């Protein structure tokens, strides 16, 4: 984790300036997520990066607790929130393992572009399931590299080991679905904008 945090600290300023690769897909994901939001909701975002999505969602919920293990990413996120006069998003430099979130206390958890970077996605998914109230939602956007082109699979494996990009875990959409359902989630919405694109999923914790 420390090595990963150092990587994101190193690229934080450059990352913050990068345009969104697929603006139309990003906007569709925002809209799909907001269809589940209510004004009284308590939300956690894991791996919030520079805070763009948390800030974009802020008007639709009561409060968002957004965390990232990169201190520089969190510093940029806090600056953006201040510039935009956002008062209902709390940014914290932390990992999900460090949080003492009470069981069944959250209405929604977001993990966007994150699960493929984790050593153990199943553990994180189980943690999220425990945090959510019955009927709560888990929103993910995940690069399921096992379904992507051979070139991308090779780049994901070799680039991570060389330190050029973060170390990606290679798994398929079906394997991700199984991880969610094994933890007790029911997949309520799913969308993939293209073959080599991340899979967007909204999963519900049932009562």
N, C-alpha and C. Protein backbone atom coordinates (compact mmCIF):
# COMPACT_ATOMS: atom_id res chain seq x y z
N UNK A 1 0.82 -1.21 0.00
CA UNK A 1 0.00 0.00 0.00
C UNK A 1 0.86 1.26 0.00
N UNK A 2 1.95 1.24 0.79
CA UNK A 2 2.82 2.41 0.82
C UNK A 2 3.42 2.69 -0.55
N UNK A 3 3.82 1.62 -1.26
CA UNK A 3 4.36 1.79 -2.61
C UNK A 3 3.32 2.39 -3.54
N UNK A 4 2.07 1.93 -3.43
CA UNK A 4 0.99 2.47 -4.25
C UNK A 4 0.74 3.93 -3.93
N UNK A 5 0.74 4.28 -2.63
CA UNK A 5 0.53 5.66 -2.22
C UNK A 5 1.63 6.57 -2.78
N UNK A 6 2.87 6.08 -2.76
CA UNK A 6 3.97 6.88 -3.31
C UNK A 6 3.78 7.12 -4.81
N UNK A 7 3.31 6.09 -5.52
CA UNK A 7 3.06 6.25 -6.95
C UNK A 7 2.05 7.37 -7.19
N UNK A 8 0.91 7.33 -6.47
CA UNK A 8 -0.14 8.32 -6.69
C UNK A 8 0.26 9.70 -6.18
N UNK A 9 1.07 9.76 -5.13
CA UNK A 9 1.61 11.05 -4.70
C UNK A 9 2.45 11.68 -5.81
N UNK A 10 3.23 10.84 -6.46
CA UNK A 10 4.13 11.31 -7.50
C UNK A 10 3.38 11.88 -8.70
N UNK A 11 2.25 11.27 -9.04
CA UNK A 11 1.52 11.68 -10.24
C UNK A 11 0.32 12.58 -9.94
N UNK A 12 0.10 12.93 -8.67
CA UNK A 12 -1.13 13.61 -8.26
C UNK A 12 -1.38 14.91 -9.02
N UNK A 13 -0.39 15.77 -9.11
CA UNK A 13 -0.59 17.06 -9.77
C UNK A 13 -0.87 16.89 -11.25
N UNK A 14 -0.16 15.98 -11.88
CA UNK A 14 -0.39 15.73 -13.31
C UNK A 14 -1.75 15.09 -13.52
N UNK A 15 -2.12 14.17 -12.63
CA UNK A 15 -3.42 13.50 -12.72
C UNK A 15 -4.57 14.50 -12.60
N UNK A 16 -4.40 15.47 -11.70
CA UNK A 16 -5.46 16.46 -11.47
C UNK A 16 -5.72 17.32 -12.70
N UNK A 17 -4.73 17.47 -13.55
CA UNK A 17 -4.86 18.31 -14.74
C UNK A 17 -5.34 17.54 -15.96
N UNK A 18 -5.38 16.22 -15.86
CA UNK A 18 -5.77 15.41 -17.02
C UNK A 18 -7.27 15.52 -17.29
N UNK A 19 -7.66 15.66 -18.54
CA UNK A 19 -9.10 15.66 -18.87
C UNK A 19 -9.68 14.27 -18.72
N UNK A 20 -10.97 14.19 -18.48
CA UNK A 20 -11.65 12.90 -18.41
C UNK A 20 -11.63 12.26 -19.79
N UNK A 21 -11.23 10.99 -19.85
CA UNK A 21 -11.03 10.33 -21.15
C UNK A 21 -12.33 10.19 -21.94
N UNK A 22 -13.41 9.86 -21.25
CA UNK A 22 -14.70 9.66 -21.91
C UNK A 22 -15.75 10.43 -21.12
N UNK A 23 -15.90 11.69 -21.46
CA UNK A 23 -16.80 12.58 -20.71
C UNK A 23 -18.24 12.09 -20.75
N UNK A 24 -18.69 11.61 -21.90
CA UNK A 24 -20.07 11.14 -22.02
C UNK A 24 -20.33 9.96 -21.09
N UNK A 25 -19.40 9.01 -21.04
CA UNK A 25 -19.56 7.85 -20.16
C UNK A 25 -19.52 8.27 -18.70
N UNK A 26 -18.65 9.21 -18.37
CA UNK A 26 -18.56 9.70 -17.00
C UNK A 26 -19.87 10.35 -16.57
N UNK A 27 -20.44 11.17 -17.43
CA UNK A 27 -21.69 11.83 -17.10
C UNK A 27 -22.83 10.82 -16.95
N UNK A 28 -22.83 9.79 -17.77
CA UNK A 28 -23.86 8.75 -17.64
C UNK A 28 -23.74 8.02 -16.31
N UNK A 29 -22.51 7.76 -15.87
CA UNK A 29 -22.29 7.11 -14.58
C UNK A 29 -22.75 8.01 -13.43
N UNK A 30 -22.49 9.31 -13.53
CA UNK A 30 -22.96 10.24 -12.51
C UNK A 30 -24.49 10.21 -12.43
N UNK A 31 -25.13 10.27 -13.58
CA UNK A 31 -26.60 10.27 -13.62
C UNK A 31 -27.17 8.97 -13.07
N UNK A 32 -26.56 7.85 -13.45
CA UNK A 32 -27.04 6.55 -12.97
C UNK A 32 -26.91 6.44 -11.46
N UNK A 33 -25.84 6.98 -10.91
CA UNK A 33 -25.64 6.95 -9.45
C UNK A 33 -26.65 7.85 -8.75
N UNK A 34 -26.88 9.01 -9.29
CA UNK A 34 -27.80 9.97 -8.66
C UNK A 34 -29.24 9.48 -8.65
N UNK A 35 -29.56 8.57 -9.54
CA UNK A 35 -30.91 8.00 -9.54
C UNK A 35 -31.19 7.24 -8.24
N UNK A 36 -30.14 6.84 -7.54
CA UNK A 36 -30.28 6.11 -6.28
C UNK A 36 -30.14 7.03 -5.06
N UNK A 37 -29.67 8.24 -5.26
CA UNK A 37 -29.40 9.14 -4.14
C UNK A 37 -30.66 9.77 -3.58
N UNK A 38 -30.57 10.11 -2.28
CA UNK A 38 -31.59 10.92 -1.60
C UNK A 38 -30.86 11.99 -0.79
N UNK A 39 -31.58 13.04 -0.43
CA UNK A 39 -30.96 14.15 0.27
C UNK A 39 -30.51 13.81 1.69
N UNK A 40 -31.01 12.70 2.26
CA UNK A 40 -30.65 12.34 3.64
C UNK A 40 -29.54 11.28 3.72
N UNK A 41 -28.89 10.99 2.60
CA UNK A 41 -27.95 9.87 2.56
C UNK A 41 -26.56 10.21 3.07
N UNK A 42 -25.99 9.25 3.81
CA UNK A 42 -24.59 9.28 4.24
C UNK A 42 -23.81 8.37 3.29
N UNK A 43 -22.77 8.95 2.67
CA UNK A 43 -22.04 8.25 1.60
C UNK A 43 -20.56 8.19 1.95
N UNK A 44 -19.93 7.07 1.61
CA UNK A 44 -18.48 6.92 1.70
C UNK A 44 -17.94 6.70 0.30
N UNK A 45 -16.90 7.43 -0.07
CA UNK A 45 -16.18 7.14 -1.31
C UNK A 45 -14.78 6.66 -0.97
N UNK A 46 -14.44 5.47 -1.44
CA UNK A 46 -13.13 4.86 -1.21
C UNK A 46 -12.27 5.12 -2.45
N UNK A 47 -11.05 5.63 -2.23
CA UNK A 47 -10.17 5.92 -3.36
C UNK A 47 -10.68 7.09 -4.16
N UNK A 48 -10.92 8.20 -3.47
CA UNK A 48 -11.57 9.36 -4.10
C UNK A 48 -10.65 10.16 -5.01
N UNK A 49 -9.34 9.90 -4.98
CA UNK A 49 -8.42 10.65 -5.84
C UNK A 49 -8.44 12.12 -5.53
N UNK A 50 -8.57 12.94 -6.55
CA UNK A 50 -8.53 14.39 -6.37
C UNK A 50 -9.91 14.99 -6.10
N UNK A 51 -10.90 14.14 -5.83
CA UNK A 51 -12.17 14.61 -5.31
C UNK A 51 -13.23 15.04 -6.30
N UNK A 52 -12.99 14.89 -7.58
CA UNK A 52 -13.92 15.41 -8.57
C UNK A 52 -15.32 14.80 -8.45
N UNK A 53 -15.39 13.48 -8.30
CA UNK A 53 -16.70 12.83 -8.26
C UNK A 53 -17.44 13.13 -6.97
N UNK A 54 -16.73 13.13 -5.85
CA UNK A 54 -17.37 13.47 -4.57
C UNK A 54 -17.96 14.87 -4.62
N UNK A 55 -17.21 15.81 -5.17
CA UNK A 55 -17.68 17.19 -5.28
C UNK A 55 -18.89 17.27 -6.22
N UNK A 56 -18.84 16.52 -7.31
CA UNK A 56 -19.95 16.53 -8.27
C UNK A 56 -21.23 15.98 -7.65
N UNK A 57 -21.11 14.99 -6.75
CA UNK A 57 -22.28 14.36 -6.14
C UNK A 57 -22.78 15.10 -4.89
N UNK A 58 -21.99 15.99 -4.37
CA UNK A 58 -22.30 16.63 -3.08
C UNK A 58 -23.71 17.23 -2.99
N UNK A 59 -24.22 17.91 -4.01
CA UNK A 59 -25.56 18.50 -3.88
C UNK A 59 -26.70 17.49 -3.76
N UNK A 60 -26.45 16.23 -4.06
CA UNK A 60 -27.53 15.22 -4.09
C UNK A 60 -27.67 14.42 -2.80
N UNK A 61 -26.75 14.61 -1.84
CA UNK A 61 -26.78 13.81 -0.61
C UNK A 61 -26.52 14.70 0.61
N UNK A 62 -26.68 14.09 1.79
CA UNK A 62 -26.45 14.83 3.03
C UNK A 62 -24.96 15.06 3.27
N UNK A 63 -24.17 13.98 3.18
CA UNK A 63 -22.74 14.08 3.47
C UNK A 63 -21.97 12.98 2.76
N UNK A 64 -20.77 13.32 2.30
CA UNK A 64 -19.87 12.34 1.70
C UNK A 64 -18.55 12.35 2.47
N UNK A 65 -18.14 11.20 2.95
CA UNK A 65 -16.83 11.01 3.56
C UNK A 65 -15.95 10.38 2.49
N UNK A 66 -14.99 11.11 1.97
CA UNK A 66 -14.18 10.65 0.84
C UNK A 66 -12.75 10.42 1.30
N UNK A 67 -12.24 9.21 1.04
CA UNK A 67 -10.90 8.86 1.52
C UNK A 67 -10.00 8.42 0.37
N UNK A 68 -8.70 8.59 0.60
CA UNK A 68 -7.69 8.11 -0.35
C UNK A 68 -6.40 7.94 0.43
N UNK A 69 -5.59 6.92 0.06
CA UNK A 69 -4.35 6.72 0.80
C UNK A 69 -3.19 7.57 0.27
N UNK A 70 -3.44 8.44 -0.71
CA UNK A 70 -2.43 9.37 -1.21
C UNK A 70 -2.62 10.74 -0.56
N UNK A 71 -1.71 11.18 0.30
CA UNK A 71 -1.84 12.51 0.93
C UNK A 71 -1.94 13.65 -0.08
N UNK A 72 -1.19 13.55 -1.17
CA UNK A 72 -1.21 14.64 -2.16
C UNK A 72 -2.54 14.69 -2.91
N UNK A 73 -3.13 13.53 -3.18
CA UNK A 73 -4.46 13.52 -3.79
C UNK A 73 -5.47 14.20 -2.87
N UNK A 74 -5.42 13.87 -1.59
CA UNK A 74 -6.35 14.46 -0.62
C UNK A 74 -6.13 15.97 -0.50
N UNK A 75 -4.89 16.42 -0.54
CA UNK A 75 -4.62 17.86 -0.47
C UNK A 75 -5.25 18.59 -1.65
N UNK A 76 -5.14 18.01 -2.84
CA UNK A 76 -5.76 18.61 -4.02
C UNK A 76 -7.28 18.61 -3.89
N UNK A 77 -7.83 17.50 -3.41
CA UNK A 77 -9.29 17.38 -3.24
C UNK A 77 -9.81 18.44 -2.27
N UNK A 78 -9.13 18.63 -1.16
CA UNK A 78 -9.55 19.64 -0.19
C UNK A 78 -9.51 21.04 -0.80
N UNK A 79 -8.48 21.30 -1.59
CA UNK A 79 -8.40 22.59 -2.26
C UNK A 79 -9.55 22.81 -3.22
N UNK A 80 -9.92 21.76 -3.96
CA UNK A 80 -11.04 21.87 -4.90
C UNK A 80 -12.36 22.11 -4.17
N UNK A 81 -12.55 21.41 -3.06
CA UNK A 81 -13.78 21.60 -2.29
C UNK A 81 -13.88 23.03 -1.77
N UNK A 82 -12.77 23.56 -1.31
CA UNK A 82 -12.76 24.93 -0.80
C UNK A 82 -13.06 25.92 -1.93
N UNK A 83 -12.45 25.71 -3.08
CA UNK A 83 -12.68 26.60 -4.22
C UNK A 83 -14.13 26.59 -4.67
N UNK A 84 -14.78 25.44 -4.55
CA UNK A 84 -16.17 25.29 -4.99
C UNK A 84 -17.19 25.49 -3.88
N UNK A 85 -16.70 25.88 -2.69
CA UNK A 85 -17.57 26.16 -1.54
C UNK A 85 -18.44 24.95 -1.18
N UNK A 86 -17.80 23.77 -1.19
CA UNK A 86 -18.49 22.53 -0.86
C UNK A 86 -18.28 22.25 0.63
N UNK A 87 -19.36 22.23 1.39
CA UNK A 87 -19.25 22.05 2.83
C UNK A 87 -19.68 20.70 3.36
N UNK A 88 -20.24 19.86 2.50
CA UNK A 88 -20.75 18.57 2.99
C UNK A 88 -19.94 17.37 2.50
N UNK A 89 -18.66 17.62 2.13
CA UNK A 89 -17.74 16.55 1.79
C UNK A 89 -16.53 16.64 2.72
N UNK A 90 -16.22 15.56 3.40
CA UNK A 90 -15.05 15.49 4.27
C UNK A 90 -14.01 14.61 3.61
N UNK A 91 -12.84 15.17 3.34
CA UNK A 91 -11.76 14.42 2.72
C UNK A 91 -10.76 13.97 3.79
N UNK A 92 -10.36 12.70 3.73
CA UNK A 92 -9.44 12.15 4.73
C UNK A 92 -8.41 11.26 4.07
N UNK A 93 -7.15 11.41 4.50
CA UNK A 93 -6.08 10.53 4.04
C UNK A 93 -6.14 9.23 4.85
N UNK A 94 -6.73 8.20 4.26
CA UNK A 94 -6.94 6.93 4.97
C UNK A 94 -7.24 5.83 3.97
N UNK A 95 -7.11 4.60 4.43
CA UNK A 95 -7.55 3.44 3.66
C UNK A 95 -8.80 2.88 4.31
N UNK A 96 -9.52 2.06 3.58
CA UNK A 96 -10.77 1.50 4.10
C UNK A 96 -10.51 0.61 5.31
N UNK A 97 -9.33 -0.02 5.37
CA UNK A 97 -8.99 -0.87 6.51
C UNK A 97 -8.86 -0.08 7.80
N UNK A 98 -8.50 1.21 7.68
CA UNK A 98 -8.28 2.04 8.86
C UNK A 98 -9.55 2.67 9.41
N UNK A 99 -10.63 2.61 8.65
CA UNK A 99 -11.85 3.27 9.07
C UNK A 99 -12.61 2.43 10.09
N UNK A 100 -13.11 3.10 11.10
CA UNK A 100 -13.94 2.42 12.09
C UNK A 100 -15.41 2.70 11.82
N UNK A 101 -15.88 2.28 10.66
CA UNK A 101 -17.27 2.55 10.27
C UNK A 101 -18.20 1.57 10.98
N UNK A 102 -19.19 2.05 11.72
CA UNK A 102 -20.12 1.13 12.38
C UNK A 102 -20.88 0.27 11.37
N UNK A 103 -21.23 -0.93 11.78
CA UNK A 103 -21.99 -1.84 10.93
C UNK A 103 -23.34 -1.23 10.56
N UNK A 104 -23.71 -1.38 9.31
CA UNK A 104 -25.01 -0.93 8.78
C UNK A 104 -25.28 0.55 9.09
N UNK A 105 -24.28 1.39 8.82
CA UNK A 105 -24.42 2.82 9.12
C UNK A 105 -24.44 3.72 7.89
N UNK A 106 -24.14 3.17 6.72
CA UNK A 106 -24.04 3.98 5.51
C UNK A 106 -25.15 3.64 4.52
N UNK A 107 -25.50 4.66 3.72
CA UNK A 107 -26.52 4.47 2.69
C UNK A 107 -25.91 4.09 1.34
N UNK A 108 -24.68 4.52 1.11
CA UNK A 108 -24.03 4.25 -0.17
C UNK A 108 -22.52 4.27 0.01
N UNK A 109 -21.84 3.41 -0.76
CA UNK A 109 -20.38 3.41 -0.82
C UNK A 109 -19.98 3.42 -2.29
N UNK A 110 -19.05 4.29 -2.64
CA UNK A 110 -18.53 4.37 -4.00
C UNK A 110 -17.08 3.88 -4.02
N UNK A 111 -16.74 3.07 -4.99
CA UNK A 111 -15.35 2.64 -5.22
C UNK A 111 -15.12 2.68 -6.72
N UNK A 112 -14.67 3.81 -7.21
CA UNK A 112 -14.58 4.04 -8.65
C UNK A 112 -13.13 3.93 -9.12
N UNK A 113 -12.91 3.06 -10.09
CA UNK A 113 -11.56 2.82 -10.61
C UNK A 113 -10.62 2.38 -9.50
N UNK A 114 -11.08 1.48 -8.66
CA UNK A 114 -10.32 1.08 -7.48
C UNK A 114 -10.13 -0.43 -7.33
N UNK A 115 -11.19 -1.22 -7.51
CA UNK A 115 -11.13 -2.63 -7.13
C UNK A 115 -10.03 -3.40 -7.86
N UNK A 116 -9.71 -2.99 -9.08
CA UNK A 116 -8.65 -3.67 -9.83
C UNK A 116 -7.25 -3.29 -9.35
N UNK A 117 -7.16 -2.36 -8.41
CA UNK A 117 -5.86 -1.96 -7.85
C UNK A 117 -5.59 -2.60 -6.49
N UNK A 118 -6.56 -3.31 -5.94
CA UNK A 118 -6.46 -3.85 -4.59
C UNK A 118 -5.87 -5.26 -4.58
N UNK A 119 -5.13 -5.56 -3.52
CA UNK A 119 -4.58 -6.91 -3.36
C UNK A 119 -5.70 -7.93 -3.15
N UNK A 120 -6.74 -7.53 -2.42
CA UNK A 120 -7.82 -8.47 -2.08
C UNK A 120 -9.16 -7.75 -2.24
N UNK A 121 -9.74 -7.82 -3.43
CA UNK A 121 -11.01 -7.13 -3.66
C UNK A 121 -12.13 -7.76 -2.83
N UNK A 122 -12.06 -9.08 -2.61
CA UNK A 122 -13.11 -9.76 -1.85
C UNK A 122 -13.20 -9.23 -0.42
N UNK A 123 -12.07 -9.00 0.18
CA UNK A 123 -12.06 -8.47 1.55
C UNK A 123 -12.70 -7.09 1.60
N UNK A 124 -12.34 -6.24 0.64
CA UNK A 124 -12.91 -4.89 0.60
C UNK A 124 -14.42 -4.94 0.34
N UNK A 125 -14.85 -5.78 -0.57
CA UNK A 125 -16.27 -5.91 -0.87
C UNK A 125 -17.04 -6.38 0.37
N UNK A 126 -16.46 -7.31 1.11
CA UNK A 126 -17.11 -7.77 2.34
C UNK A 126 -17.20 -6.66 3.38
N UNK A 127 -16.14 -5.85 3.50
CA UNK A 127 -16.15 -4.71 4.42
C UNK A 127 -17.26 -3.74 4.04
N UNK A 128 -17.37 -3.47 2.76
CA UNK A 128 -18.39 -2.54 2.29
C UNK A 128 -19.78 -3.07 2.60
N UNK A 129 -19.99 -4.35 2.35
CA UNK A 129 -21.30 -4.96 2.63
C UNK A 129 -21.68 -4.77 4.09
N UNK A 130 -20.72 -4.94 5.00
CA UNK A 130 -21.00 -4.78 6.43
C UNK A 130 -21.32 -3.34 6.79
N UNK A 131 -20.74 -2.38 6.09
CA UNK A 131 -20.97 -0.97 6.39
C UNK A 131 -22.37 -0.49 5.99
N UNK A 132 -22.93 -1.12 4.97
CA UNK A 132 -24.17 -0.62 4.37
C UNK A 132 -25.41 -1.04 5.15
N UNK A 133 -26.36 -0.14 5.17
CA UNK A 133 -27.69 -0.47 5.70
C UNK A 133 -28.38 -1.41 4.71
N UNK A 134 -29.37 -2.18 5.16
CA UNK A 134 -30.18 -2.95 4.20
C UNK A 134 -30.78 -2.01 3.15
N UNK A 135 -30.62 -2.38 1.90
CA UNK A 135 -31.07 -1.52 0.81
C UNK A 135 -30.02 -0.53 0.35
N UNK A 136 -28.89 -0.47 1.07
CA UNK A 136 -27.81 0.43 0.68
C UNK A 136 -27.14 -0.01 -0.61
N UNK A 137 -26.47 0.89 -1.27
CA UNK A 137 -25.88 0.60 -2.58
C UNK A 137 -24.36 0.70 -2.58
N UNK A 138 -23.75 -0.17 -3.38
CA UNK A 138 -22.31 -0.16 -3.61
C UNK A 138 -22.11 0.13 -5.10
N UNK A 139 -21.49 1.27 -5.40
CA UNK A 139 -21.30 1.72 -6.78
C UNK A 139 -19.84 1.54 -7.16
N UNK A 140 -19.59 0.79 -8.21
CA UNK A 140 -18.22 0.55 -8.65
C UNK A 140 -18.07 0.80 -10.14
N UNK A 141 -16.86 1.20 -10.51
CA UNK A 141 -16.46 1.26 -11.91
C UNK A 141 -15.10 0.58 -11.96
N UNK A 142 -15.02 -0.56 -12.62
CA UNK A 142 -13.86 -1.43 -12.46
C UNK A 142 -13.32 -1.90 -13.80
N UNK A 143 -12.01 -1.80 -13.96
CA UNK A 143 -11.36 -2.31 -15.16
C UNK A 143 -11.21 -3.83 -15.03
N UNK A 144 -12.08 -4.57 -15.71
CA UNK A 144 -12.03 -6.04 -15.70
C UNK A 144 -11.10 -6.47 -16.82
N UNK A 145 -9.82 -6.44 -16.54
CA UNK A 145 -8.80 -6.58 -17.57
C UNK A 145 -8.79 -7.98 -18.18
N UNK A 146 -9.30 -8.95 -17.43
CA UNK A 146 -9.36 -10.31 -17.97
C UNK A 146 -10.24 -10.43 -19.20
N UNK A 147 -11.15 -9.46 -19.40
CA UNK A 147 -12.03 -9.46 -20.58
C UNK A 147 -11.48 -8.59 -21.71
N UNK A 148 -10.40 -7.88 -21.45
CA UNK A 148 -9.91 -6.90 -22.41
C UNK A 148 -8.93 -7.53 -23.40
N UNK A 149 -8.42 -6.73 -24.30
CA UNK A 149 -7.52 -7.23 -25.34
C UNK A 149 -6.25 -7.80 -24.72
N UNK A 150 -5.60 -8.71 -25.45
CA UNK A 150 -4.36 -9.33 -24.98
C UNK A 150 -3.30 -8.26 -24.71
N UNK A 151 -3.24 -7.23 -25.55
CA UNK A 151 -2.24 -6.18 -25.37
C UNK A 151 -2.42 -5.48 -24.03
N UNK A 152 -3.68 -5.15 -23.69
CA UNK A 152 -3.94 -4.47 -22.43
C UNK A 152 -3.61 -5.38 -21.25
N UNK A 153 -3.87 -6.67 -21.39
CA UNK A 153 -3.55 -7.60 -20.31
C UNK A 153 -2.04 -7.68 -20.08
N UNK A 154 -1.28 -7.67 -21.17
CA UNK A 154 0.18 -7.71 -21.06
C UNK A 154 0.70 -6.42 -20.43
N UNK A 155 0.18 -5.28 -20.88
CA UNK A 155 0.61 -3.99 -20.33
C UNK A 155 0.28 -3.91 -18.85
N UNK A 156 -0.91 -4.37 -18.46
CA UNK A 156 -1.32 -4.32 -17.05
C UNK A 156 -0.38 -5.12 -16.17
N UNK A 157 0.03 -6.29 -16.66
CA UNK A 157 0.90 -7.15 -15.85
C UNK A 157 2.33 -6.63 -15.81
N UNK A 158 2.89 -6.29 -16.96
CA UNK A 158 4.30 -5.90 -17.01
C UNK A 158 4.51 -4.47 -16.53
N UNK A 159 3.60 -3.57 -16.90
CA UNK A 159 3.75 -2.17 -16.51
C UNK A 159 3.71 -1.98 -15.01
N UNK A 160 2.85 -2.75 -14.34
CA UNK A 160 2.77 -2.65 -12.89
C UNK A 160 4.05 -3.11 -12.21
N UNK A 161 4.60 -4.23 -12.67
CA UNK A 161 5.83 -4.75 -12.07
C UNK A 161 7.01 -3.81 -12.31
N UNK A 162 7.00 -3.11 -13.43
CA UNK A 162 8.09 -2.17 -13.74
C UNK A 162 7.92 -0.82 -13.05
N UNK A 163 6.72 -0.58 -12.47
CA UNK A 163 6.47 0.68 -11.78
C UNK A 163 6.05 1.82 -12.69
N UNK A 164 5.81 1.50 -13.97
CA UNK A 164 5.39 2.53 -14.92
C UNK A 164 3.95 2.94 -14.66
N UNK A 165 3.12 1.96 -14.29
CA UNK A 165 1.72 2.19 -13.93
C UNK A 165 1.47 1.42 -12.62
N UNK A 166 0.35 1.69 -11.94
CA UNK A 166 0.05 0.91 -10.75
C UNK A 166 -0.11 -0.57 -11.11
N UNK A 167 0.08 -1.44 -10.12
CA UNK A 167 -0.07 -2.87 -10.35
C UNK A 167 -1.55 -3.23 -10.43
N UNK A 168 -2.00 -3.64 -11.61
CA UNK A 168 -3.40 -4.00 -11.84
C UNK A 168 -3.62 -5.48 -11.55
N UNK A 169 -4.73 -5.80 -10.90
CA UNK A 169 -5.13 -7.19 -10.71
C UNK A 169 -6.00 -7.59 -11.91
N UNK A 170 -5.69 -8.72 -12.49
CA UNK A 170 -6.37 -9.14 -13.71
C UNK A 170 -7.48 -10.13 -13.35
N UNK A 171 -8.72 -9.74 -13.62
CA UNK A 171 -9.87 -10.62 -13.43
C UNK A 171 -10.96 -10.21 -14.42
N UNK A 172 -11.97 -11.06 -14.56
CA UNK A 172 -13.03 -10.81 -15.54
C UNK A 172 -14.26 -10.19 -14.88
N UNK A 173 -15.17 -9.73 -15.71
CA UNK A 173 -16.44 -9.18 -15.22
C UNK A 173 -17.20 -10.26 -14.45
N UNK A 174 -17.20 -11.47 -14.96
CA UNK A 174 -17.89 -12.57 -14.29
C UNK A 174 -17.30 -12.82 -12.89
N UNK A 175 -15.98 -12.75 -12.79
CA UNK A 175 -15.34 -12.94 -11.48
C UNK A 175 -15.71 -11.81 -10.52
N UNK A 176 -15.80 -10.59 -11.02
CA UNK A 176 -16.22 -9.47 -10.19
C UNK A 176 -17.66 -9.66 -9.72
N UNK A 177 -18.53 -10.07 -10.63
CA UNK A 177 -19.92 -10.33 -10.27
C UNK A 177 -20.02 -11.39 -9.18
N UNK A 178 -19.22 -12.45 -9.30
CA UNK A 178 -19.22 -13.51 -8.29
C UNK A 178 -18.75 -12.97 -6.94
N UNK A 179 -17.74 -12.09 -6.96
CA UNK A 179 -17.26 -11.50 -5.71
C UNK A 179 -18.38 -10.72 -5.02
N UNK A 180 -19.15 -9.99 -5.79
CA UNK A 180 -20.24 -9.19 -5.23
C UNK A 180 -21.36 -10.07 -4.70
N UNK A 181 -21.76 -11.06 -5.48
CA UNK A 181 -22.87 -11.91 -5.04
C UNK A 181 -22.48 -12.79 -3.86
N UNK A 182 -21.22 -13.25 -3.81
CA UNK A 182 -20.76 -14.04 -2.67
C UNK A 182 -20.81 -13.24 -1.37
N UNK A 183 -20.58 -11.94 -1.48
CA UNK A 183 -20.60 -11.08 -0.29
C UNK A 183 -22.02 -10.77 0.17
N UNK A 184 -23.01 -11.08 -0.67
CA UNK A 184 -24.40 -10.84 -0.30
C UNK A 184 -25.09 -9.74 -1.07
N UNK A 185 -24.43 -9.22 -2.09
CA UNK A 185 -25.01 -8.16 -2.90
C UNK A 185 -25.88 -8.75 -4.03
N UNK A 186 -26.82 -7.94 -4.47
CA UNK A 186 -27.59 -8.22 -5.67
C UNK A 186 -27.29 -7.11 -6.67
N UNK A 187 -26.88 -7.47 -7.87
CA UNK A 187 -26.55 -6.46 -8.88
C UNK A 187 -27.84 -5.87 -9.43
N UNK A 188 -27.99 -4.56 -9.25
CA UNK A 188 -29.22 -3.87 -9.63
C UNK A 188 -29.09 -3.14 -10.97
N UNK A 189 -27.87 -2.75 -11.31
CA UNK A 189 -27.65 -2.01 -12.56
C UNK A 189 -26.23 -2.31 -13.04
N UNK A 190 -26.07 -2.46 -14.35
CA UNK A 190 -24.76 -2.75 -14.92
C UNK A 190 -24.66 -2.14 -16.31
N UNK A 191 -23.50 -1.56 -16.59
CA UNK A 191 -23.29 -0.94 -17.90
C UNK A 191 -21.81 -0.92 -18.23
N UNK A 192 -21.52 -1.24 -19.49
CA UNK A 192 -20.15 -1.18 -19.98
C UNK A 192 -20.16 -0.45 -21.32
N UNK A 193 -19.50 0.70 -21.41
CA UNK A 193 -19.57 1.49 -22.65
C UNK A 193 -18.82 0.91 -23.84
N UNK A 194 -17.97 -0.08 -23.61
CA UNK A 194 -17.23 -0.69 -24.72
C UNK A 194 -16.39 -1.85 -24.23
N UNK A 195 -15.84 -2.63 -25.15
CA UNK A 195 -15.11 -3.85 -24.80
C UNK A 195 -13.96 -3.60 -23.83
N UNK A 196 -13.16 -2.61 -24.09
CA UNK A 196 -11.98 -2.35 -23.27
C UNK A 196 -12.22 -1.24 -22.24
N UNK A 197 -13.48 -1.06 -21.88
CA UNK A 197 -13.86 -0.01 -20.93
C UNK A 197 -14.18 -0.63 -19.57
N UNK A 198 -14.06 0.16 -18.49
CA UNK A 198 -14.44 -0.33 -17.16
C UNK A 198 -15.93 -0.69 -17.10
N UNK A 199 -16.24 -1.64 -16.23
CA UNK A 199 -17.62 -2.06 -16.00
C UNK A 199 -18.18 -1.24 -14.84
N UNK A 200 -19.33 -0.62 -15.06
CA UNK A 200 -20.01 0.18 -14.03
C UNK A 200 -21.14 -0.65 -13.43
N UNK A 201 -21.13 -0.80 -12.12
CA UNK A 201 -22.11 -1.65 -11.44
C UNK A 201 -22.69 -0.93 -10.22
N UNK A 202 -23.99 -1.04 -10.05
CA UNK A 202 -24.63 -0.64 -8.80
C UNK A 202 -25.18 -1.91 -8.19
N UNK A 203 -24.66 -2.27 -7.00
CA UNK A 203 -25.09 -3.47 -6.29
C UNK A 203 -25.77 -3.09 -4.99
N UNK A 204 -26.82 -3.82 -4.64
CA UNK A 204 -27.59 -3.51 -3.43
C UNK A 204 -27.34 -4.57 -2.35
N UNK A 205 -27.26 -4.07 -1.10
CA UNK A 205 -27.32 -4.98 0.05
C UNK A 205 -28.81 -5.19 0.37
N UNK A 206 -29.24 -6.40 0.30
CA UNK A 206 -30.63 -6.68 0.57
C UNK A 206 -30.88 -6.76 2.09
N UNK A 207 -32.14 -6.57 2.49
CA UNK A 207 -32.50 -6.57 3.90
C UNK A 207 -32.46 -7.96 4.52
